[in-house]
Amino acid sequence: MITFPLVWIVSILTIIAAFALSQNDRVIFQARFYLTAFFLLLAVIGLLLGMRLSFQSQLAADLQPLIAVMIAPSAYLGFRALTQETPSPFKQLFYWNWLPVLVSQAVMIAKILVSADFFILGITGIYLIKTAGLLRYESDAFKQIPPNGLNIVRAAISATVFLFAMMVTLDGLIIVAAIFADNVSVVKYVTGVSGLFTAFIFIVALLGLPLILRTSISDTTACKEPTDQDVEMIARLEKMMVEKRLYTDSNLTLARVAKRLSVPVRNVSEAINRSTGENFSRYINNYRISLAKKILSETDLPITEVMFEAGFVSKSSFNTEFRRLTGLTPSLYRESLSNSN
């Protein structure tokens, strides 16, 4: 009698979650791409795991490590993209992240006398550390996330770190069992237990991460009420923005603004968060997009020149922020103005 592996239900739900995330254009493309890939890789692992445990499929056993080695880099790159104002160059991502993965997969396929679990353990361990490092970032470092979503994003990263820690622990157990256990059945038992534990973690990640990602990009969560000092500081900051147009400086940083106001960096960041519900990057970009809209409506300057005039240096970042605030790309916005006239 053929039984339907329970873990396949998790895979189906994970695929649904991946599809929902891929359609959410409020998450920047690079983050959406890698986090969607993360979910799909988990789904494939679940399918292969079901084939191994229920049908003793050797093909699934051969493919599983090739897929597993890609999981941690995908999740890390997805979360890291939320901290970047502009996407990382493809070549940089390839050399530092995917080339080691491809080399590991080549060695696995060649069946050189090294256990595939060593590669999974090593790569997952590295990205466990790198992903955990994202938890040290301040709110303004997450440039693509509103401040009121930071705690939820941290929870998502923490859940992913826990998943990686489980993978590292279980792969370590498999390696130890393979080295010290004379009985092959012990290795098979540990492998089976690792699959069940991994499936359990998949369920936790599946239930938690989509909700976390959906909530993290929502701007509806209430922020703390601004203090009198916050109101005064924001008034000074807005006056400085209007009179000196600091936002047109593409190299403007929170530290430079704090220095001009003669207050600690943290105070400026918290005042912006509590008063506007935005982080520093979005606060500045709001001014930049307002200027860009004005230029687009009053001149015939090319889109690229408008971008530079407003203080942006990346077309991708400019388009993303423009769409976030207007629902249109700069070119479509200009076209809509022409049609209305």
Protein backbone atom coordinates (compact mmCIF):
# COMPACT_ATOMS: atom_id res chain seq x y z
CA MET A 1 0.00 0.00 0.00
CA ILE A 2 1.41 3.37 -1.05
CA THR A 3 1.25 5.99 1.70
CA PHE A 4 1.39 9.74 1.21
CA PRO A 5 4.42 11.08 3.14
CA LEU A 6 3.41 13.67 5.74
CA VAL A 7 6.37 15.86 4.83
CA TRP A 8 4.91 16.30 1.33
CA ILE A 9 2.05 18.29 2.86
CA VAL A 10 4.67 20.67 4.23
CA SER A 11 6.21 20.90 0.76
CA ILE A 12 2.87 21.78 -0.82
CA LEU A 13 2.23 24.50 1.76
CA THR A 14 5.76 25.81 1.32
CA ILE A 15 5.25 26.08 -2.44
CA ILE A 16 2.05 28.06 -1.80
CA ALA A 17 3.98 30.37 0.55
CA ALA A 18 6.71 30.79 -2.08
CA PHE A 19 4.16 31.74 -4.72
CA ALA A 20 2.50 34.27 -2.40
CA LEU A 21 5.84 35.87 -1.59
CA SER A 22 6.88 36.00 -5.25
CA GLN A 23 3.74 38.03 -6.04
CA ASN A 24 4.33 40.57 -3.27
CA ASP A 25 5.94 43.51 -5.07
CA ARG A 26 6.23 45.48 -1.82
CA VAL A 27 9.30 43.37 -1.07
CA ILE A 28 12.26 44.43 -3.21
CA PHE A 29 13.03 42.06 -6.08
CA GLN A 30 16.37 40.70 -4.84
CA ALA A 31 14.97 39.85 -1.39
CA ARG A 32 11.83 38.42 -2.94
CA PHE A 33 13.85 36.31 -5.39
CA TYR A 34 16.16 34.73 -2.82
CA LEU A 35 13.53 34.21 -0.11
CA THR A 36 11.20 32.64 -2.67
CA ALA A 37 14.08 30.37 -3.73
CA PHE A 38 14.62 29.54 -0.04
CA PHE A 39 11.01 28.36 0.30
CA LEU A 40 11.15 26.39 -2.95
CA LEU A 41 14.37 24.67 -1.91
CA LEU A 42 12.74 23.70 1.39
CA ALA A 43 9.81 22.32 -0.61
CA VAL A 44 12.11 20.24 -2.83
CA ILE A 45 13.97 18.91 0.22
CA GLY A 46 10.63 17.90 1.71
CA LEU A 47 9.67 16.05 -1.47
CA LEU A 48 13.01 14.24 -1.59
CA LEU A 49 12.83 13.46 2.10
CA GLY A 50 9.42 11.87 1.63
CA MET A 51 10.76 9.76 -1.23
CA ARG A 52 13.68 8.61 0.89
CA LEU A 53 11.74 7.75 4.04
CA SER A 54 8.64 6.27 2.42
CA PHE A 55 9.97 4.77 -0.83
CA GLN A 56 13.71 4.28 -0.13
CA SER A 57 14.52 6.21 -3.31
CA GLN A 58 18.24 6.24 -4.09
CA LEU A 59 17.78 9.08 -6.59
CA ALA A 60 16.24 11.23 -3.85
CA ALA A 61 19.16 10.36 -1.57
CA ASP A 62 21.61 11.50 -4.26
CA LEU A 63 19.76 14.74 -5.01
CA GLN A 64 19.03 15.80 -1.43
CA PRO A 65 22.55 17.02 -0.52
CA LEU A 66 22.81 18.94 -3.83
CA ILE A 67 19.68 20.89 -2.89
CA ALA A 68 20.42 21.17 0.83
CA VAL A 69 23.71 22.98 0.23
CA MET A 70 21.84 25.87 -1.47
CA ILE A 71 19.31 26.53 1.31
CA ALA A 72 21.40 28.62 3.70
CA PRO A 73 22.93 30.97 1.08
CA SER A 74 19.48 31.68 -0.40
CA ALA A 75 17.97 32.65 2.95
CA TYR A 76 20.95 34.79 3.95
CA LEU A 77 21.03 36.69 0.66
CA GLY A 78 17.27 37.30 0.89
CA PHE A 79 17.44 38.80 4.37
CA ARG A 80 20.63 40.73 3.57
CA ALA A 81 18.92 42.36 0.58
CA LEU A 82 16.52 44.00 3.05
CA THR A 83 19.49 45.95 4.42
CA GLN A 84 20.67 47.27 1.04
CA GLU A 85 19.46 50.36 -0.75
CA THR A 86 20.71 49.00 -4.06
CA PRO A 87 21.01 45.35 -5.20
CA SER A 88 24.43 43.69 -5.03
CA PRO A 89 26.16 43.10 -8.39
CA PHE A 90 25.62 39.60 -9.76
CA LYS A 91 29.34 38.89 -10.13
CA GLN A 92 29.97 39.74 -6.49
CA LEU A 93 27.18 37.44 -5.34
CA PHE A 94 28.41 34.66 -7.62
CA TYR A 95 32.06 34.68 -6.57
CA TRP A 96 31.46 35.01 -2.85
CA ASN A 97 28.33 32.92 -2.43
CA TRP A 98 27.44 30.63 -5.33
CA LEU A 99 30.86 29.59 -6.62
CA PRO A 100 31.68 27.65 -3.40
CA VAL A 101 28.25 26.02 -3.61
CA LEU A 102 28.81 24.95 -7.22
CA VAL A 103 32.25 23.55 -6.37
CA SER A 104 30.72 21.58 -3.48
CA GLN A 105 28.01 20.19 -5.75
CA ALA A 106 30.61 19.20 -8.36
CA VAL A 107 32.58 17.27 -5.73
CA MET A 108 29.39 15.55 -4.54
CA ILE A 109 28.47 14.52 -8.09
CA ALA A 110 32.00 13.26 -8.70
CA LYS A 111 31.64 11.17 -5.53
CA ILE A 112 35.09 12.00 -4.28
CA LEU A 113 35.74 10.20 -1.00
CA VAL A 114 34.31 13.00 1.14
CA SER A 115 30.87 12.78 2.71
CA ALA A 116 28.31 15.22 1.30
CA ASP A 117 27.38 15.99 4.90
CA PHE A 118 30.76 17.69 5.37
CA PHE A 119 29.87 20.22 2.67
CA ILE A 120 26.36 20.78 4.00
CA LEU A 121 27.74 21.17 7.51
CA GLY A 122 30.44 23.61 6.41
CA ILE A 123 28.34 25.85 4.16
CA THR A 124 25.33 25.87 6.47
CA GLY A 125 27.61 26.62 9.41
CA ILE A 126 29.14 29.61 7.61
CA TYR A 127 25.75 31.05 6.70
CA LEU A 128 24.42 30.33 10.17
CA ILE A 129 27.06 32.74 11.48
CA LYS A 130 26.47 35.29 8.70
CA THR A 131 22.69 35.23 9.12
CA ALA A 132 22.99 35.52 12.91
CA GLY A 133 25.18 38.57 12.30
CA LEU A 134 22.20 40.35 10.75
CA LEU A 135 20.56 40.36 14.19
CA ARG A 136 23.16 42.91 15.31
CA TYR A 137 22.03 45.47 12.72
CA GLU A 138 20.29 48.61 13.95
CA SER A 139 16.85 49.57 12.64
CA ASP A 140 18.24 52.05 10.11
CA ALA A 141 20.41 49.33 8.60
CA PHE A 142 17.25 47.60 7.33
CA LYS A 143 16.69 50.16 4.62
CA GLN A 144 13.81 48.28 2.97
CA ILE A 145 11.82 47.70 6.17
CA PRO A 146 9.76 50.23 8.14
CA PRO A 147 10.94 50.59 11.77
CA ASN A 148 7.67 49.18 13.07
CA GLY A 149 8.44 45.94 11.23
CA LEU A 150 11.98 45.52 12.56
CA ASN A 151 11.08 43.27 15.51
CA ILE A 152 9.14 40.96 13.22
CA VAL A 153 12.00 40.78 10.74
CA ARG A 154 14.36 39.97 13.59
CA ALA A 155 12.01 37.17 14.60
CA ALA A 156 12.10 35.83 11.03
CA ILE A 157 15.90 35.90 11.01
CA SER A 158 15.99 34.23 14.44
CA ALA A 159 13.70 31.44 13.20
CA THR A 160 15.95 30.92 10.20
CA VAL A 161 19.06 30.86 12.39
CA PHE A 162 17.36 28.21 14.53
CA LEU A 163 16.63 26.18 11.38
CA PHE A 164 20.27 26.40 10.31
CA ALA A 165 21.43 25.45 13.81
CA MET A 166 19.26 22.33 13.66
CA MET A 167 20.63 21.43 10.23
CA VAL A 168 24.21 21.85 11.45
CA THR A 169 23.55 19.80 14.58
CA LEU A 170 21.87 16.96 12.72
CA ASP A 171 24.48 16.83 9.97
CA GLY A 172 27.12 16.75 12.68
CA LEU A 173 25.36 13.77 14.27
CA ILE A 174 25.28 11.97 10.93
CA ILE A 175 29.01 12.53 10.43
CA VAL A 176 29.82 11.35 13.97
CA ALA A 177 27.63 8.28 13.50
CA ALA A 178 29.29 7.50 10.17
CA ILE A 179 32.76 7.76 11.72
CA PHE A 180 32.21 5.89 14.98
CA ALA A 181 29.31 3.55 14.31
CA ASP A 182 30.18 0.13 12.91
CA ASN A 183 26.54 -0.72 12.42
CA VAL A 184 25.17 0.85 9.23
CA SER A 185 21.67 0.80 10.68
CA VAL A 186 22.75 3.42 13.24
CA VAL A 187 23.64 5.81 10.44
CA LYS A 188 20.31 5.16 8.75
CA TYR A 189 18.50 5.72 12.03
CA VAL A 190 20.21 9.06 12.64
CA THR A 191 19.51 10.08 9.05
CA GLY A 192 15.85 9.23 9.49
CA VAL A 193 15.62 11.14 12.75
CA SER A 194 17.32 14.12 11.09
CA GLY A 195 14.66 14.04 8.42
CA LEU A 196 11.84 14.06 10.95
CA PHE A 197 13.44 16.91 12.92
CA THR A 198 14.03 18.84 9.73
CA ALA A 199 10.41 18.33 8.71
CA PHE A 200 9.33 19.68 12.08
CA ILE A 201 11.49 22.76 11.63
CA PHE A 202 10.07 23.21 8.13
CA ILE A 203 6.61 23.40 9.66
CA VAL A 204 7.73 26.03 12.17
CA ALA A 205 9.42 28.06 9.43
CA LEU A 206 6.47 27.62 7.11
CA LEU A 207 3.95 28.90 9.64
CA GLY A 208 6.12 31.73 10.89
CA LEU A 209 8.05 33.23 7.97
CA PRO A 210 5.23 34.10 5.55
CA LEU A 211 3.34 35.88 8.33
CA ILE A 212 6.52 37.62 9.42
CA LEU A 213 7.37 38.80 5.92
CA ARG A 214 3.83 39.96 5.23
CA THR A 215 3.63 41.89 8.48
CA SER A 216 7.12 43.33 8.19
CA ILE A 217 6.24 45.32 5.11
CA SER A 218 2.99 46.62 6.54
CA ASP A 219 2.92 50.25 7.57
CA THR A 220 -0.17 49.92 9.73
CA THR A 221 1.46 48.99 13.02
CA ALA A 222 1.35 51.84 15.49
CA CYS A 223 4.63 53.39 16.54
CA LYS A 224 5.40 54.83 19.94
CA GLU A 225 4.21 58.37 20.50
CA PRO A 226 6.89 61.01 19.80
CA THR A 227 8.21 62.96 22.75
CA ASP A 228 8.41 66.75 22.94
CA GLN A 229 12.13 66.45 22.19
CA ASP A 230 11.31 64.37 19.10
CA VAL A 231 8.90 67.01 17.82
CA GLU A 232 11.47 69.75 18.31
CA MET A 233 14.22 67.75 16.64
CA ILE A 234 12.05 66.83 13.63
CA ALA A 235 11.07 70.49 13.23
CA ARG A 236 14.75 71.45 13.11
CA LEU A 237 15.49 68.60 10.73
CA GLU A 238 12.64 69.50 8.36
CA LYS A 239 13.70 73.14 8.32
CA MET A 240 17.22 72.06 7.42
CA MET A 241 15.91 69.77 4.68
CA VAL A 242 13.74 72.47 3.13
CA GLU A 243 16.26 75.30 3.36
CA LYS A 244 19.46 73.43 2.53
CA ARG A 245 18.03 70.50 0.57
CA LEU A 246 20.42 68.05 2.19
CA TYR A 247 18.50 65.13 0.74
CA THR A 248 19.89 65.89 -2.73
CA ASP A 249 23.32 64.80 -1.45
CA SER A 250 23.61 61.15 -2.50
CA ASN A 251 26.24 60.60 0.22
CA LEU A 252 24.06 61.87 3.04
CA THR A 253 24.21 59.65 6.13
CA LEU A 254 22.46 59.55 9.48
CA ALA A 255 25.75 60.36 11.20
CA ARG A 256 26.22 63.53 9.13
CA VAL A 257 22.69 64.69 9.88
CA ALA A 258 23.19 64.03 13.59
CA LYS A 259 26.41 66.04 13.51
CA ARG A 260 24.61 69.00 11.93
CA LEU A 261 21.94 68.82 14.63
CA SER A 262 24.60 68.38 17.34
CA VAL A 263 22.80 65.36 18.83
CA PRO A 264 23.65 61.65 19.11
CA VAL A 265 22.93 59.49 16.08
CA ARG A 266 20.60 57.23 18.05
CA ASN A 267 18.46 60.21 19.13
CA VAL A 268 17.92 61.29 15.53
CA SER A 269 17.06 57.77 14.43
CA GLU A 270 14.55 57.27 17.25
CA ALA A 271 12.97 60.70 16.70
CA ILE A 272 12.40 59.90 13.01
CA ASN A 273 11.03 56.45 13.85
CA ARG A 274 8.59 57.69 16.47
CA SER A 275 7.50 60.79 14.57
CA THR A 276 7.13 59.39 11.07
CA GLY A 277 7.05 55.62 11.37
CA GLU A 278 9.92 55.48 8.88
CA ASN A 279 13.61 54.73 9.13
CA PHE A 280 16.19 57.35 8.13
CA SER A 281 16.64 56.02 4.60
CA ARG A 282 12.93 56.11 3.81
CA TYR A 283 12.53 59.49 5.48
CA ILE A 284 15.19 60.99 3.19
CA ASN A 285 13.85 59.18 0.14
CA ASN A 286 10.42 60.71 0.74
CA TYR A 287 11.97 64.14 0.17
CA ARG A 288 13.87 62.89 -2.85
CA ILE A 289 10.78 61.42 -4.49
CA SER A 290 8.82 64.64 -3.83
CA LEU A 291 11.54 66.57 -5.65
CA ALA A 292 11.62 64.01 -8.46
CA LYS A 293 7.86 64.33 -8.95
CA LYS A 294 8.21 68.10 -9.13
CA ILE A 295 10.99 67.88 -11.73
CA LEU A 296 9.07 65.33 -13.78
CA SER A 297 6.00 67.55 -13.83
CA GLU A 298 7.81 70.80 -14.63
CA THR A 299 10.64 69.76 -17.00
CA ASP A 300 11.45 67.37 -19.82
CA LEU A 301 14.69 66.15 -18.27
CA PRO A 302 15.52 62.48 -18.95
CA ILE A 303 14.60 60.09 -16.14
CA THR A 304 18.27 59.42 -15.36
CA GLU A 305 18.99 63.12 -14.86
CA VAL A 306 15.91 63.47 -12.66
CA MET A 307 17.24 60.57 -10.59
CA PHE A 308 20.59 62.30 -10.01
CA GLU A 309 18.97 65.67 -9.32
CA ALA A 310 16.85 64.07 -6.59
CA GLY A 311 19.86 62.50 -4.87
CA PHE A 312 19.67 58.89 -6.10
CA VAL A 313 22.61 57.09 -7.67
CA SER A 314 20.89 53.79 -8.49
CA LYS A 315 18.11 53.48 -11.04
CA SER A 316 16.84 50.35 -9.32
CA SER A 317 16.60 52.11 -5.96
CA PHE A 318 15.00 55.17 -7.58
CA ASN A 319 12.34 53.08 -9.33
CA THR A 320 11.64 51.03 -6.21
CA GLU A 321 11.17 54.07 -3.98
CA PHE A 322 9.17 55.94 -6.62
CA ARG A 323 6.81 52.99 -7.01
CA ARG A 324 6.53 52.62 -3.23
CA LEU A 325 5.30 56.18 -2.83
CA THR A 326 3.32 56.68 -6.03
CA GLY A 327 2.41 53.21 -7.24
CA LEU A 328 3.99 54.06 -10.61
CA THR A 329 7.41 54.05 -12.20
CA PRO A 330 8.88 57.50 -13.00
CA SER A 331 8.17 57.07 -16.72
CA LEU A 332 4.57 56.02 -16.14
CA TYR A 333 4.13 58.89 -13.69
CA ARG A 334 5.29 61.39 -16.33
CA GLU A 335 3.04 59.72 -18.90
CA SER A 336 0.07 60.02 -16.54
CA LEU A 337 0.75 63.75 -16.15
CA SER A 338 0.79 64.15 -19.93
CA ASN A 339 -2.49 62.29 -20.29
CA SER A 340 -4.16 64.36 -17.60
CA ASN A 341 -3.20 67.55 -19.43
